[in-house]
Amino acid sequence: MPEATRDLLHRQQRAAKVLGQLLGRAVNEKLPAISWAIAGSPSRPALAGNCDADDAADRRRDFEAWRDALAAGVLPEEVDAEGRTRLRASVTDTYEDITIELVAHL
């Protein structure tokens, strides 16, 4: 197995471990349920949380709840071609050495 593949798999294992911890926090801290993805590419954040509630106001509220819980730094808002605002925040889990990104499309 190439070393790059092995490194990526170890990164995914660390992201899965952090995700388990975050889901435990969600229960204990009554954080909203959001979708999570573990990246298959080293160019993407290892773990991404997508605030995907049906209502834009709920997506914003969920984003802010998770951003506050993780003490994530806010990244610049983006507007897509359809005029939707994309909220983003990012934080690094220094213990597991992975980046966690939160996203909400409003």
PDB file of N, CA and C in Angstrom:
ATOM      1  N   MET A   1       0.860  -1.175   0.000  1.00  0.00           N
ATOM      2  CA  MET A   1       0.000   0.000   0.000  1.00  0.00           C
ATOM      3  C   MET A   1       0.907   1.240   0.000  1.00  0.00           C
ATOM      4  N   PRO A   2       0.624   2.185  -0.896  1.00  0.00           N
ATOM      5  CA  PRO A   2       1.439   3.413  -0.911  1.00  0.00           C
ATOM      6  C   PRO A   2       1.309   4.192   0.396  1.00  0.00           C
ATOM      7  N   GLU A   3       2.381   4.876   0.766  1.00  0.00           N
ATOM      8  CA  GLU A   3       2.382   5.624   2.019  1.00  0.00           C
ATOM      9  C   GLU A   3       1.303   6.704   2.040  1.00  0.00           C
ATOM     10  N   ALA A   4       1.057   7.349   0.896  1.00  0.00           N
ATOM     11  CA  ALA A   4       0.021   8.396   0.835  1.00  0.00           C
ATOM     12  C   ALA A   4      -1.353   7.816   1.163  1.00  0.00           C
ATOM     13  N   THR A   5      -1.620   6.616   0.689  1.00  0.00           N
ATOM     14  CA  THR A   5      -2.904   5.960   0.988  1.00  0.00           C
ATOM     15  C   THR A   5      -2.989   5.624   2.468  1.00  0.00           C
ATOM     16  N   ARG A   6      -1.912   5.109   3.009  1.00  0.00           N
ATOM     17  CA  ARG A   6      -1.877   4.761   4.428  1.00  0.00           C
ATOM     18  C   ARG A   6      -2.095   6.020   5.290  1.00  0.00           C
ATOM     19  N   ASP A   7      -1.439   7.128   4.907  1.00  0.00           N
ATOM     20  CA  ASP A   7      -1.603   8.384   5.648  1.00  0.00           C
ATOM     21  C   ASP A   7      -3.051   8.873   5.601  1.00  0.00           C
ATOM     22  N   LEU A   8      -3.663   8.783   4.431  1.00  0.00           N
ATOM     23  CA  LEU A   8      -5.055   9.211   4.292  1.00  0.00           C
ATOM     24  C   LEU A   8      -5.985   8.346   5.136  1.00  0.00           C
ATOM     25  N   LEU A   9      -5.757   7.049   5.152  1.00  0.00           N
ATOM     26  CA  LEU A   9      -6.586   6.157   5.964  1.00  0.00           C
ATOM     27  C   LEU A   9      -6.423   6.458   7.453  1.00  0.00           C
ATOM     28  N   HIS A  10      -5.211   6.757   7.894  1.00  0.00           N
ATOM     29  CA  HIS A  10      -4.996   7.122   9.298  1.00  0.00           C
ATOM     30  C   HIS A  10      -5.698   8.438   9.619  1.00  0.00           C
ATOM     31  N   ARG A  11      -5.659   9.362   8.681  1.00  0.00           N
ATOM     32  CA  ARG A  11      -6.369  10.641   8.867  1.00  0.00           C
ATOM     33  C   ARG A  11      -7.869  10.391   8.988  1.00  0.00           C
ATOM     34  N   GLN A  12      -8.403   9.506   8.157  1.00  0.00           N
ATOM     35  CA  GLN A  12      -9.828   9.189   8.236  1.00  0.00           C
ATOM     36  C   GLN A  12     -10.164   8.508   9.558  1.00  0.00           C
ATOM     37  N   GLN A  13      -9.294   7.665  10.059  1.00  0.00           N
ATOM     38  CA  GLN A  13      -9.516   7.038  11.362  1.00  0.00           C
ATOM     39  C   GLN A  13      -9.559   8.089  12.467  1.00  0.00           C
ATOM     40  N   ARG A  14      -8.656   9.061  12.410  1.00  0.00           N
ATOM     41  CA  ARG A  14      -8.654  10.129  13.412  1.00  0.00           C
ATOM     42  C   ARG A  14      -9.931  10.959  13.316  1.00  0.00           C
ATOM     43  N   ALA A  15     -10.371  11.222  12.083  1.00  0.00           N
ATOM     44  CA  ALA A  15     -11.612  11.989  11.890  1.00  0.00           C
ATOM     45  C   ALA A  15     -12.807  11.221  12.441  1.00  0.00           C
ATOM     46  N   ALA A  16     -12.834   9.915  12.243  1.00  0.00           N
ATOM     47  CA  ALA A  16     -13.930   9.097  12.770  1.00  0.00           C
ATOM     48  C   ALA A  16     -13.936   9.128  14.302  1.00  0.00           C
ATOM     49  N   LYS A  17     -12.762   9.106  14.886  1.00  0.00           N
ATOM     50  CA  LYS A  17     -12.660   9.182  16.352  1.00  0.00           C
ATOM     51  C   LYS A  17     -13.204  10.513  16.852  1.00  0.00           C
ATOM     52  N   VAL A  18     -12.806  11.608  16.197  1.00  0.00           N
ATOM     53  CA  VAL A  18     -13.293  12.929  16.589  1.00  0.00           C
ATOM     54  C   VAL A  18     -14.805  13.019  16.372  1.00  0.00           C
ATOM     55  N   LEU A  19     -15.303  12.464  15.280  1.00  0.00           N
ATOM     56  CA  LEU A  19     -16.746  12.482  15.039  1.00  0.00           C
ATOM     57  C   LEU A  19     -17.491  11.782  16.168  1.00  0.00           C
ATOM     58  N   GLY A  20     -16.989  10.653  16.621  1.00  0.00           N
ATOM     59  CA  GLY A  20     -17.611   9.966  17.745  1.00  0.00           C
ATOM     60  C   GLY A  20     -17.666  10.844  18.987  1.00  0.00           C
ATOM     61  N   GLN A  21     -16.585  11.571  19.240  1.00  0.00           N
ATOM     62  CA  GLN A  21     -16.546  12.480  20.384  1.00  0.00           C
ATOM     63  C   GLN A  21     -17.549  13.622  20.206  1.00  0.00           C
ATOM     64  N   LEU A  22     -17.643  14.151  18.972  1.00  0.00           N
ATOM     65  CA  LEU A  22     -18.579  15.248  18.711  1.00  0.00           C
ATOM     66  C   LEU A  22     -20.028  14.799  18.868  1.00  0.00           C
ATOM     67  N   LEU A  23     -20.332  13.600  18.431  1.00  0.00           N
ATOM     68  CA  LEU A  23     -21.701  13.093  18.591  1.00  0.00           C
ATOM     69  C   LEU A  23     -22.029  12.902  20.068  1.00  0.00           C
ATOM     70  N   GLY A  24     -21.054  12.474  20.855  1.00  0.00           N
ATOM     71  CA  GLY A  24     -21.258  12.384  22.296  1.00  0.00           C
ATOM     72  C   GLY A  24     -21.515  13.748  22.907  1.00  0.00           C
ATOM     73  N   ARG A  25     -20.758  14.743  22.457  1.00  0.00           N
ATOM     74  CA  ARG A  25     -20.993  16.114  22.932  1.00  0.00           C
ATOM     75  C   ARG A  25     -22.373  16.597  22.524  1.00  0.00           C
ATOM     76  N   ALA A  26     -22.793  16.255  21.322  1.00  0.00           N
ATOM     77  CA  ALA A  26     -24.101  16.697  20.840  1.00  0.00           C
ATOM     78  C   ALA A  26     -25.204  16.222  21.772  1.00  0.00           C
ATOM     79  N   VAL A  27     -25.107  14.994  22.213  1.00  0.00           N
ATOM     80  CA  VAL A  27     -26.105  14.456  23.135  1.00  0.00           C
ATOM     81  C   VAL A  27     -26.024  15.181  24.476  1.00  0.00           C
ATOM     82  N   ASN A  28     -24.820  15.279  25.016  1.00  0.00           N
ATOM     83  CA  ASN A  28     -24.639  15.880  26.339  1.00  0.00           C
ATOM     84  C   ASN A  28     -24.944  17.365  26.379  1.00  0.00           C
ATOM     85  N   GLU A  29     -24.605  18.070  25.304  1.00  0.00           N
ATOM     86  CA  GLU A  29     -24.778  19.518  25.268  1.00  0.00           C
ATOM     87  C   GLU A  29     -26.039  19.956  24.520  1.00  0.00           C
ATOM     88  N   LYS A  30     -26.831  18.960  24.106  1.00  0.00           N
ATOM     89  CA  LYS A  30     -28.087  19.222  23.390  1.00  0.00           C
ATOM     90  C   LYS A  30     -27.855  20.068  22.127  1.00  0.00           C
ATOM     91  N   LEU A  31     -26.821  19.704  21.382  1.00  0.00           N
ATOM     92  CA  LEU A  31     -26.544  20.362  20.112  1.00  0.00           C
ATOM     93  C   LEU A  31     -27.439  19.775  19.026  1.00  0.00           C
ATOM     94  N   PRO A  32     -27.749  20.552  17.989  1.00  0.00           N
ATOM     95  CA  PRO A  32     -28.633  20.036  16.934  1.00  0.00           C
ATOM     96  C   PRO A  32     -27.947  18.957  16.102  1.00  0.00           C
ATOM     97  N   ALA A  33     -28.754  18.093  15.528  1.00  0.00           N
ATOM     98  CA  ALA A  33     -28.247  17.057  14.622  1.00  0.00           C
ATOM     99  C   ALA A  33     -27.944  17.704  13.277  1.00  0.00           C
ATOM    100  N   ILE A  34     -26.729  17.441  12.771  1.00  0.00           N
ATOM    101  CA  ILE A  34     -26.344  17.904  11.441  1.00  0.00           C
ATOM    102  C   ILE A  34     -25.698  16.731  10.715  1.00  0.00           C
ATOM    103  N   SER A  35     -25.497  16.872   9.413  1.00  0.00           N
ATOM    104  CA  SER A  35     -24.840  15.820   8.633  1.00  0.00           C
ATOM    105  C   SER A  35     -23.331  15.964   8.741  1.00  0.00           C
ATOM    106  N   TRP A  36     -22.634  14.829   8.771  1.00  0.00           N
ATOM    107  CA  TRP A  36     -21.177  14.833   8.868  1.00  0.00           C
ATOM    108  C   TRP A  36     -20.587  14.013   7.735  1.00  0.00           C
ATOM    109  N   ALA A  37     -19.416  14.421   7.252  1.00  0.00           N
ATOM    110  CA  ALA A  37     -18.708  13.678   6.206  1.00  0.00           C
ATOM    111  C   ALA A  37     -17.221  13.637   6.542  1.00  0.00           C
ATOM    112  N   ILE A  38     -16.620  12.493   6.292  1.00  0.00           N
ATOM    113  CA  ILE A  38     -15.181  12.317   6.444  1.00  0.00           C
ATOM    114  C   ILE A  38     -14.588  12.371   5.043  1.00  0.00           C
ATOM    115  N   ALA A  39     -13.610  13.240   4.862  1.00  0.00           N
ATOM    116  CA  ALA A  39     -13.047  13.476   3.531  1.00  0.00           C
ATOM    117  C   ALA A  39     -12.230  12.300   3.032  1.00  0.00           C
ATOM    118  N   GLY A  40     -12.323  12.072   1.727  1.00  0.00           N
ATOM    119  CA  GLY A  40     -11.510  11.065   1.068  1.00  0.00           C
ATOM    120  C   GLY A  40     -10.336  11.680   0.335  1.00  0.00           C
ATOM    121  N   SER A  41     -10.214  12.996   0.424  1.00  0.00           N
ATOM    122  CA  SER A  41      -9.136  13.715  -0.250  1.00  0.00           C
ATOM    123  C   SER A  41      -8.338  14.517   0.778  1.00  0.00           C
ATOM    124  N   PRO A  42      -7.019  14.468   0.695  1.00  0.00           N
ATOM    125  CA  PRO A  42      -6.215  15.231   1.651  1.00  0.00           C
ATOM    126  C   PRO A  42      -6.323  16.742   1.454  1.00  0.00           C
ATOM    127  N   SER A  43      -6.894  17.185   0.337  1.00  0.00           N
ATOM    128  CA  SER A  43      -7.033  18.624   0.097  1.00  0.00           C
ATOM    129  C   SER A  43      -8.279  19.215   0.750  1.00  0.00           C
ATOM    130  N   ARG A  44      -9.133  18.378   1.298  1.00  0.00           N
ATOM    131  CA  ARG A  44     -10.360  18.827   1.956  1.00  0.00           C
ATOM    132  C   ARG A  44     -10.189  18.730   3.474  1.00  0.00           C
ATOM    133  N   PRO A  45     -10.982  19.515   4.241  1.00  0.00           N
ATOM    134  CA  PRO A  45     -10.963  19.326   5.696  1.00  0.00           C
ATOM    135  C   PRO A  45     -11.299  17.862   6.019  1.00  0.00           C
ATOM    136  N   ALA A  46     -10.631  17.308   7.002  1.00  0.00           N
ATOM    137  CA  ALA A  46     -10.816  15.889   7.328  1.00  0.00           C
ATOM    138  C   ALA A  46     -12.253  15.568   7.714  1.00  0.00           C
ATOM    139  N   LEU A  47     -12.919  16.518   8.382  1.00  0.00           N
ATOM    140  CA  LEU A  47     -14.277  16.294   8.874  1.00  0.00           C
ATOM    141  C   LEU A  47     -15.113  17.530   8.559  1.00  0.00           C
ATOM    142  N   ALA A  48     -16.262  17.331   7.931  1.00  0.00           N
ATOM    143  CA  ALA A  48     -17.123  18.452   7.555  1.00  0.00           C
ATOM    144  C   ALA A  48     -18.518  18.238   8.120  1.00  0.00           C
ATOM    145  N   GLY A  49     -19.020  19.264   8.791  1.00  0.00           N
ATOM    146  CA  GLY A  49     -20.384  19.255   9.304  1.00  0.00           C
ATOM    147  C   GLY A  49     -21.244  20.160   8.441  1.00  0.00           C
ATOM    148  N   ASN A  50     -22.328  19.610   7.920  1.00  0.00           N
ATOM    149  CA  ASN A  50     -23.236  20.374   7.069  1.00  0.00           C
ATOM    150  C   ASN A  50     -24.547  20.600   7.807  1.00  0.00           C
ATOM    151  N   CYS A  51     -24.828  21.862   8.074  1.00  0.00           N
ATOM    152  CA  CYS A  51     -26.077  22.228   8.751  1.00  0.00           C
ATOM    153  C   CYS A  51     -27.167  22.243   7.687  1.00  0.00           C
ATOM    154  N   ASP A  52     -27.980  21.202   7.676  1.00  0.00           N
ATOM    155  CA  ASP A  52     -28.890  20.972   6.555  1.00  0.00           C
ATOM    156  C   ASP A  52     -30.359  20.875   6.956  1.00  0.00           C
ATOM    157  N   ALA A  53     -30.739  21.617   7.980  1.00  0.00           N
ATOM    158  CA  ALA A  53     -32.153  21.647   8.379  1.00  0.00           C
ATOM    159  C   ALA A  53     -32.994  22.154   7.203  1.00  0.00           C
ATOM    160  N   ASP A  54     -34.283  21.870   7.238  1.00  0.00           N
ATOM    161  CA  ASP A  54     -35.163  22.260   6.135  1.00  0.00           C
ATOM    162  C   ASP A  54     -35.295  23.772   5.973  1.00  0.00           C
ATOM    163  N   ASP A  55     -35.262  24.512   7.068  1.00  0.00           N
ATOM    164  CA  ASP A  55     -35.497  25.948   7.059  1.00  0.00           C
ATOM    165  C   ASP A  55     -34.170  26.711   7.190  1.00  0.00           C
ATOM    166  N   ALA A  56     -34.012  27.804   6.416  1.00  0.00           N
ATOM    167  CA  ALA A  56     -32.766  28.581   6.449  1.00  0.00           C
ATOM    168  C   ALA A  56     -32.472  29.135   7.841  1.00  0.00           C
ATOM    169  N   ALA A  57     -33.501  29.575   8.545  1.00  0.00           N
ATOM    170  CA  ALA A  57     -33.285  30.103   9.897  1.00  0.00           C
ATOM    171  C   ALA A  57     -32.775  28.999  10.826  1.00  0.00           C
ATOM    172  N   ASP A  58     -33.294  27.791  10.662  1.00  0.00           N
ATOM    173  CA  ASP A  58     -32.818  26.657  11.461  1.00  0.00           C
ATOM    174  C   ASP A  58     -31.378  26.291  11.096  1.00  0.00           C
ATOM    175  N   ARG A  59     -31.051  26.360   9.793  1.00  0.00           N
ATOM    176  CA  ARG A  59     -29.675  26.065   9.384  1.00  0.00           C
ATOM    177  C   ARG A  59     -28.706  27.060  10.023  1.00  0.00           C
ATOM    178  N   ARG A  60     -29.081  28.334  10.029  1.00  0.00           N
ATOM    179  CA  ARG A  60     -28.238  29.354  10.657  1.00  0.00           C
ATOM    180  C   ARG A  60     -28.103  29.087  12.158  1.00  0.00           C
ATOM    181  N   ARG A  61     -29.202  28.782  12.814  1.00  0.00           N
ATOM    182  CA  ARG A  61     -29.174  28.510  14.254  1.00  0.00           C
ATOM    183  C   ARG A  61     -28.294  27.299  14.560  1.00  0.00           C
ATOM    184  N   ASP A  62     -28.432  26.247  13.759  1.00  0.00           N
ATOM    185  CA  ASP A  62     -27.620  25.044  13.964  1.00  0.00           C
ATOM    186  C   ASP A  62     -26.134  25.359  13.751  1.00  0.00           C
ATOM    187  N   PHE A  63     -25.832  26.128  12.706  1.00  0.00           N
ATOM    188  CA  PHE A  63     -24.457  26.527  12.426  1.00  0.00           C
ATOM    189  C   PHE A  63     -23.872  27.283  13.614  1.00  0.00           C
ATOM    190  N   GLU A  64     -24.607  28.250  14.099  1.00  0.00           N
ATOM    191  CA  GLU A  64     -24.112  29.065  15.216  1.00  0.00           C
ATOM    192  C   GLU A  64     -23.933  28.227  16.482  1.00  0.00           C
ATOM    193  N   ALA A  65     -24.838  27.281  16.724  1.00  0.00           N
ATOM    194  CA  ALA A  65     -24.712  26.420  17.905  1.00  0.00           C
ATOM    195  C   ALA A  65     -23.432  25.587  17.832  1.00  0.00           C
ATOM    196  N   TRP A  66     -23.175  24.976  16.686  1.00  0.00           N
ATOM    197  CA  TRP A  66     -21.976  24.166  16.537  1.00  0.00           C
ATOM    198  C   TRP A  66     -20.716  25.028  16.512  1.00  0.00           C
ATOM    199  N   ARG A  67     -20.781  26.178  15.847  1.00  0.00           N
ATOM    200  CA  ARG A  67     -19.628  27.076  15.811  1.00  0.00           C
ATOM    201  C   ARG A  67     -19.235  27.484  17.230  1.00  0.00           C
ATOM    202  N   ASP A  68     -20.231  27.842  18.039  1.00  0.00           N
ATOM    203  CA  ASP A  68     -19.958  28.227  19.418  1.00  0.00           C
ATOM    204  C   ASP A  68     -19.403  27.050  20.222  1.00  0.00           C
ATOM    205  N   ALA A  69     -19.997  25.874  20.051  1.00  0.00           N
ATOM    206  CA  ALA A  69     -19.571  24.692  20.809  1.00  0.00           C
ATOM    207  C   ALA A  69     -18.123  24.319  20.500  1.00  0.00           C
ATOM    208  N   LEU A  70     -17.720  24.497  19.236  1.00  0.00           N
ATOM    209  CA  LEU A  70     -16.361  24.128  18.829  1.00  0.00           C
ATOM    210  C   LEU A  70     -15.375  25.290  18.914  1.00  0.00           C
ATOM    211  N   ALA A  71     -15.896  26.463  19.231  1.00  0.00           N
ATOM    212  CA  ALA A  71     -15.065  27.678  19.224  1.00  0.00           C
ATOM    213  C   ALA A  71     -14.362  27.811  17.875  1.00  0.00           C
ATOM    214  N   ALA A  72     -15.120  27.559  16.820  1.00  0.00           N
ATOM    215  CA  ALA A  72     -14.582  27.586  15.458  1.00  0.00           C
ATOM    216  C   ALA A  72     -14.474  29.020  14.954  1.00  0.00           C
ATOM    217  N   GLY A  73     -13.431  29.283  14.207  1.00  0.00           N
ATOM    218  CA  GLY A  73     -13.247  30.596  13.610  1.00  0.00           C
ATOM    219  C   GLY A  73     -14.113  30.756  12.377  1.00  0.00           C
ATOM    220  N   VAL A  74     -14.777  31.890  12.280  1.00  0.00           N
ATOM    221  CA  VAL A  74     -15.658  32.151  11.145  1.00  0.00           C
ATOM    222  C   VAL A  74     -14.816  32.484   9.920  1.00  0.00           C
ATOM    223  N   LEU A  75     -15.151  31.860   8.801  1.00  0.00           N
ATOM    224  CA  LEU A  75     -14.513  32.150   7.522  1.00  0.00           C
ATOM    225  C   LEU A  75     -15.419  33.100   6.739  1.00  0.00           C
ATOM    226  N   PRO A  76     -14.894  33.793   5.746  1.00  0.00           N
ATOM    227  CA  PRO A  76     -15.733  34.732   4.986  1.00  0.00           C
ATOM    228  C   PRO A  76     -16.954  34.045   4.367  1.00  0.00           C
ATOM    229  N   GLU A  77     -18.094  34.756   4.430  1.00  0.00           N
ATOM    230  CA  GLU A  77     -19.302  34.249   3.790  1.00  0.00           C
ATOM    231  C   GLU A  77     -19.108  34.292   2.276  1.00  0.00           C
ATOM    232  N   GLU A  78     -19.769  33.363   1.600  1.00  0.00           N
ATOM    233  CA  GLU A  78     -19.735  33.322   0.142  1.00  0.00           C
ATOM    234  C   GLU A  78     -21.165  33.359  -0.370  1.00  0.00           C
ATOM    235  N   VAL A  79     -21.349  33.883  -1.565  1.00  0.00           N
ATOM    236  CA  VAL A  79     -22.656  33.883  -2.210  1.00  0.00           C
ATOM    237  C   VAL A  79     -22.512  33.116  -3.518  1.00  0.00           C
ATOM    238  N   ASP A  80     -23.378  32.097  -3.723  1.00  0.00           N
ATOM    239  CA  ASP A  80     -23.281  31.297  -4.943  1.00  0.00           C
ATOM    240  C   ASP A  80     -24.056  31.965  -6.089  1.00  0.00           C
ATOM    241  N   ALA A  81     -24.034  31.330  -7.238  1.00  0.00           N
ATOM    242  CA  ALA A  81     -24.674  31.888  -8.435  1.00  0.00           C
ATOM    243  C   ALA A  81     -26.186  32.029  -8.269  1.00  0.00           C
ATOM    244  N   GLU A  82     -26.758  31.266  -7.371  1.00  0.00           N
ATOM    245  CA  GLU A  82     -28.206  31.331  -7.125  1.00  0.00           C
ATOM    246  C   GLU A  82     -28.555  32.349  -6.051  1.00  0.00           C
ATOM    247  N   GLY A  83     -27.539  33.046  -5.525  1.00  0.00           N
ATOM    248  CA  GLY A  83     -27.780  34.070  -4.518  1.00  0.00           C
ATOM    249  C   GLY A  83     -27.868  33.537  -3.098  1.00  0.00           C
ATOM    250  N   ARG A  84     -27.543  32.262  -2.898  1.00  0.00           N
ATOM    251  CA  ARG A  84     -27.567  31.693  -1.547  1.00  0.00           C
ATOM    252  C   ARG A  84     -26.270  32.005  -0.827  1.00  0.00           C
ATOM    253  N   THR A  85     -26.385  32.355   0.439  1.00  0.00           N
ATOM    254  CA  THR A  85     -25.220  32.628   1.271  1.00  0.00           C
ATOM    255  C   THR A  85     -24.717  31.331   1.864  1.00  0.00           C
ATOM    256  N   ARG A  86     -23.411  31.172   1.852  1.00  0.00           N
ATOM    257  CA  ARG A  86     -22.773  29.990   2.437  1.00  0.00           C
ATOM    258  C   ARG A  86     -21.975  30.445   3.648  1.00  0.00           C
ATOM    259  N   LEU A  87     -22.394  29.980   4.828  1.00  0.00           N
ATOM    260  CA  LEU A  87     -21.666  30.250   6.067  1.00  0.00           C
ATOM    261  C   LEU A  87     -20.624  29.159   6.252  1.00  0.00           C
ATOM    262  N   ARG A  88     -19.428  29.550   6.728  1.00  0.00           N
ATOM    263  CA  ARG A  88     -18.372  28.570   6.974  1.00  0.00           C
ATOM    264  C   ARG A  88     -17.610  28.937   8.235  1.00  0.00           C
ATOM    265  N   ALA A  89     -17.173  27.920   8.936  1.00  0.00           N
ATOM    266  CA  ALA A  89     -16.318  28.097  10.110  1.00  0.00           C
ATOM    267  C   ALA A  89     -15.378  26.900  10.155  1.00  0.00           C
ATOM    268  N   SER A  90     -14.220  27.103  10.768  1.00  0.00           N
ATOM    269  CA  SER A  90     -13.218  26.052  10.784  1.00  0.00           C
ATOM    270  C   SER A  90     -12.475  26.052  12.117  1.00  0.00           C
ATOM    271  N   VAL A  91     -12.085  24.857  12.531  1.00  0.00           N
ATOM    272  CA  VAL A  91     -11.293  24.698  13.747  1.00  0.00           C
ATOM    273  C   VAL A  91     -10.403  23.469  13.566  1.00  0.00           C
ATOM    274  N   THR A  92      -9.245  23.501  14.196  1.00  0.00           N
ATOM    275  CA  THR A  92      -8.340  22.360  14.145  1.00  0.00           C
ATOM    276  C   THR A  92      -8.353  21.642  15.481  1.00  0.00           C
ATOM    277  N   ASP A  93      -8.579  20.341  15.433  1.00  0.00           N
ATOM    278  CA  ASP A  93      -8.440  19.501  16.612  1.00  0.00           C
ATOM    279  C   ASP A  93      -6.949  19.205  16.719  1.00  0.00           C
ATOM    280  N   THR A  94      -6.275  19.891  17.604  1.00  0.00           N
ATOM    281  CA  THR A  94      -4.824  19.770  17.679  1.00  0.00           C
ATOM    282  C   THR A  94      -4.367  18.414  18.224  1.00  0.00           C
ATOM    283  N   TYR A  95      -5.213  17.770  19.019  1.00  0.00           N
ATOM    284  CA  TYR A  95      -4.833  16.473  19.562  1.00  0.00           C
ATOM    285  C   TYR A  95      -4.803  15.414  18.454  1.00  0.00           C
ATOM    286  N   GLU A  96      -5.831  15.415  17.611  1.00  0.00           N
ATOM    287  CA  GLU A  96      -5.904  14.430  16.522  1.00  0.00           C
ATOM    288  C   GLU A  96      -5.348  14.977  15.208  1.00  0.00           C
ATOM    289  N   ASP A  97      -4.981  16.257  15.188  1.00  0.00           N
ATOM    290  CA  ASP A  97      -4.390  16.906  14.023  1.00  0.00           C
ATOM    291  C   ASP A  97      -5.278  16.795  12.777  1.00  0.00           C
ATOM    292  N   ILE A  98      -6.546  17.198  12.957  1.00  0.00           N
ATOM    293  CA  ILE A  98      -7.467  17.257  11.816  1.00  0.00           C
ATOM    294  C   ILE A  98      -8.205  18.586  11.841  1.00  0.00           C
ATOM    295  N   THR A  99      -8.630  19.018  10.666  1.00  0.00           N
ATOM    296  CA  THR A  99      -9.424  20.226  10.535  1.00  0.00           C
ATOM    297  C   THR A  99     -10.892  19.845  10.426  1.00  0.00           C
ATOM    298  N   ILE A 100     -11.715  20.589  11.149  1.00  0.00           N
ATOM    299  CA  ILE A 100     -13.171  20.412  11.124  1.00  0.00           C
ATOM    300  C   ILE A 100     -13.760  21.670  10.508  1.00  0.00           C
ATOM    301  N   GLU A 101     -14.575  21.493   9.491  1.00  0.00           N
ATOM    302  CA  GLU A 101     -15.233  22.635   8.868  1.00  0.00           C
ATOM    303  C   GLU A 101     -16.742  22.501   9.034  1.00  0.00           C
ATOM    304  N   LEU A 102     -17.383  23.608   9.361  1.00  0.00           N
ATOM    305  CA  LEU A 102     -18.841  23.672   9.450  1.00  0.00           C
ATOM    306  C   LEU A 102     -19.335  24.513   8.273  1.00  0.00           C
ATOM    307  N   VAL A 103     -20.467  24.089   7.672  1.00  0.00           N
ATOM    308  CA  VAL A 103     -21.023  24.794   6.535  1.00  0.00           C
ATOM    309  C   VAL A 103     -22.539  24.850   6.662  1.00  0.00           C
ATOM    310  N   ALA A 104     -23.103  25.981   6.242  1.00  0.00           N
ATOM    311  CA  ALA A 104     -24.566  26.106   6.151  1.00  0.00           C
ATOM    312  C   ALA A 104     -24.877  26.958   4.920  1.00  0.00           C
ATOM    313  N   HIS A 105     -25.765  26.454   4.069  1.00  0.00           N
ATOM    314  CA  HIS A 105     -26.250  27.223   2.923  1.00  0.00           C
ATOM    315  C   HIS A 105     -27.590  27.822   3.299  1.00  0.00           C
ATOM    316  N   LEU A 106     -27.689  29.139   3.195  1.00  0.00           N
ATOM    317  CA  LEU A 106     -28.930  29.820   3.578  1.00  0.00           C
ATOM    318  C   LEU A 106     -29.747  30.196   2.353  1.00  0.00           C
TER     319      LEU A 106
END
